[in-house]
Amino acid sequence: MFQAVQVKLRELGLVVFCEAQQEIPTAIGGRVIIEFDRGDEYGEVLTDVQMLEALPEEGPLKKIIRIATPEDIKKIEKNKVDVKN
């Protein structure tokens, strides 16, 4: 059995399962940095911790590295503005 939360990646809108870790508390709506295929990615937690009996179809659970800091969020918002201009 696996403990996991679902996280929506910021720009992609892709929803992935991430390993729930006791040392990194997550809450619905919380913003986290996860280890993703092409590097670190920013996402929003969509669910409480769920118990999974098997790995999801998408493959191994992604790893939550840490809770997003205020600096991370400012940088992400700045990048969104820069892309629009």
C-alpha atoms as a PDB file:
ATOM      1  CA  MET A   1       0.000   0.000   0.000  1.00  0.00           C
ATOM      2  CA  PHE A   2       1.142   3.512  -0.804  1.00  0.00           C
ATOM      3  CA  GLN A   3       0.234   6.832   0.813  1.00  0.00           C
ATOM      4  CA  ALA A   4      -0.217   9.505  -1.827  1.00  0.00           C
ATOM      5  CA  VAL A   5      -1.716  12.896  -2.609  1.00  0.00           C
ATOM      6  CA  GLN A   6      -2.765  14.201  -6.006  1.00  0.00           C
ATOM      7  CA  VAL A   7      -0.984  17.333  -7.232  1.00  0.00           C
ATOM      8  CA  LYS A   8      -1.906  19.515 -10.219  1.00  0.00           C
ATOM      9  CA  LEU A   9       1.162  20.812 -12.038  1.00  0.00           C
ATOM     10  CA  ARG A  10       1.001  24.541 -12.636  1.00  0.00           C
ATOM     11  CA  GLU A  11       1.337  25.141 -16.354  1.00  0.00           C
ATOM     12  CA  LEU A  12       0.604  21.682 -17.645  1.00  0.00           C
ATOM     13  CA  GLY A  13      -2.620  21.174 -15.730  1.00  0.00           C
ATOM     14  CA  LEU A  14      -1.499  17.557 -15.446  1.00  0.00           C
ATOM     15  CA  VAL A  15      -2.567  15.777 -12.240  1.00  0.00           C
ATOM     16  CA  VAL A  16      -0.030  13.350 -10.780  1.00  0.00           C
ATOM     17  CA  PHE A  17       0.183  11.170  -7.689  1.00  0.00           C
ATOM     18  CA  CYS A  18       2.950  12.117  -5.258  1.00  0.00           C
ATOM     19  CA  GLU A  19       4.271  10.177  -2.308  1.00  0.00           C
ATOM     20  CA  ALA A  20       2.852  11.512   0.968  1.00  0.00           C
ATOM     21  CA  GLN A  21       5.663  12.049   3.455  1.00  0.00           C
ATOM     22  CA  GLN A  22       5.196  12.689   7.164  1.00  0.00           C
ATOM     23  CA  GLU A  23       8.119  15.116   7.276  1.00  0.00           C
ATOM     24  CA  ILE A  24       6.471  17.285   4.582  1.00  0.00           C
ATOM     25  CA  PRO A  25       2.916  18.025   5.725  1.00  0.00           C
ATOM     26  CA  THR A  26       0.520  18.730   2.865  1.00  0.00           C
ATOM     27  CA  ALA A  27      -2.985  20.179   2.807  1.00  0.00           C
ATOM     28  CA  ILE A  28      -5.533  20.664   0.060  1.00  0.00           C
ATOM     29  CA  GLY A  29      -4.673  23.894  -1.758  1.00  0.00           C
ATOM     30  CA  GLY A  30      -1.094  23.833  -0.486  1.00  0.00           C
ATOM     31  CA  ARG A  31       1.656  24.597  -2.951  1.00  0.00           C
ATOM     32  CA  VAL A  32       4.559  22.199  -3.255  1.00  0.00           C
ATOM     33  CA  ILE A  33       7.725  21.637  -5.254  1.00  0.00           C
ATOM     34  CA  ILE A  34       7.950  18.134  -6.698  1.00  0.00           C
ATOM     35  CA  GLU A  35      10.670  16.184  -8.461  1.00  0.00           C
ATOM     36  CA  PHE A  36       9.404  15.663 -12.006  1.00  0.00           C
ATOM     37  CA  ASP A  37      10.762  14.038 -15.154  1.00  0.00           C
ATOM     38  CA  ARG A  38      12.296  17.226 -16.542  1.00  0.00           C
ATOM     39  CA  GLY A  39      13.342  18.810 -13.245  1.00  0.00           C
ATOM     40  CA  ASP A  40      11.631  20.395 -10.278  1.00  0.00           C
ATOM     41  CA  GLU A  41       8.043  21.463 -10.845  1.00  0.00           C
ATOM     42  CA  TYR A  42       5.520  23.576  -8.940  1.00  0.00           C
ATOM     43  CA  GLY A  43       2.074  22.231  -8.114  1.00  0.00           C
ATOM     44  CA  GLU A  44      -1.031  22.527  -5.973  1.00  0.00           C
ATOM     45  CA  VAL A  45      -2.222  19.721  -3.694  1.00  0.00           C
ATOM     46  CA  LEU A  46      -5.716  18.585  -4.699  1.00  0.00           C
ATOM     47  CA  THR A  47      -6.481  15.796  -2.204  1.00  0.00           C
ATOM     48  CA  ASP A  48      -5.917  14.627   1.324  1.00  0.00           C
ATOM     49  CA  VAL A  49      -3.653  11.616   1.789  1.00  0.00           C
ATOM     50  CA  GLN A  50      -5.069   8.534   0.043  1.00  0.00           C
ATOM     51  CA  MET A  51      -4.120   4.900   0.459  1.00  0.00           C
ATOM     52  CA  LEU A  52      -3.323   3.269  -2.900  1.00  0.00           C
ATOM     53  CA  GLU A  53      -3.142  -0.514  -3.218  1.00  0.00           C
ATOM     54  CA  ALA A  54      -1.094  -0.327  -6.407  1.00  0.00           C
ATOM     55  CA  LEU A  55       0.895   2.245  -8.341  1.00  0.00           C
ATOM     56  CA  PRO A  56      -1.217   4.475 -10.594  1.00  0.00           C
ATOM     57  CA  GLU A  57      -1.227   3.870 -14.366  1.00  0.00           C
ATOM     58  CA  GLU A  58       1.099   6.851 -14.897  1.00  0.00           C
ATOM     59  CA  GLY A  59       3.915   4.993 -13.152  1.00  0.00           C
ATOM     60  CA  PRO A  60       5.915   5.567  -9.972  1.00  0.00           C
ATOM     61  CA  LEU A  61       4.807   8.159  -7.456  1.00  0.00           C
ATOM     62  CA  LYS A  62       6.502  11.528  -7.815  1.00  0.00           C
ATOM     63  CA  LYS A  63       8.441  12.873  -4.840  1.00  0.00           C
ATOM     64  CA  ILE A  64       7.456  16.046  -2.994  1.00  0.00           C
ATOM     65  CA  ILE A  65      10.712  17.871  -2.301  1.00  0.00           C
ATOM     66  CA  ARG A  66       9.294  20.617  -0.089  1.00  0.00           C
ATOM     67  CA  ILE A  67       6.505  23.075   0.533  1.00  0.00           C
ATOM     68  CA  ALA A  68       6.737  26.040  -1.860  1.00  0.00           C
ATOM     69  CA  THR A  69       8.186  29.123  -0.174  1.00  0.00           C
ATOM     70  CA  PRO A  70       6.887  32.680  -0.610  1.00  0.00           C
ATOM     71  CA  GLU A  71       9.972  33.288  -2.777  1.00  0.00           C
ATOM     72  CA  ASP A  72       9.019  30.344  -5.027  1.00  0.00           C
ATOM     73  CA  ILE A  73       5.522  31.743  -5.462  1.00  0.00           C
ATOM     74  CA  LYS A  74       6.830  35.259  -6.267  1.00  0.00           C
ATOM     75  CA  LYS A  75       9.206  33.802  -8.857  1.00  0.00           C
ATOM     76  CA  ILE A  76       6.413  31.758 -10.461  1.00  0.00           C
ATOM     77  CA  GLU A  77       4.104  34.784 -10.625  1.00  0.00           C
ATOM     78  CA  LYS A  78       6.913  36.887 -12.142  1.00  0.00           C
ATOM     79  CA  ASN A  79       7.558  34.199 -14.762  1.00  0.00           C
ATOM     80  CA  LYS A  80       3.867  34.190 -15.718  1.00  0.00           C
ATOM     81  CA  VAL A  81       4.000  37.974 -16.289  1.00  0.00           C
ATOM     82  CA  ASP A  82       7.262  37.707 -18.254  1.00  0.00           C
ATOM     83  CA  VAL A  83       5.772  35.056 -20.548  1.00  0.00           C
ATOM     84  CA  LYS A  84       2.728  37.254 -21.286  1.00  0.00           C
ATOM     85  CA  ASN A  85       4.931  40.236 -22.229  1.00  0.00           C
END
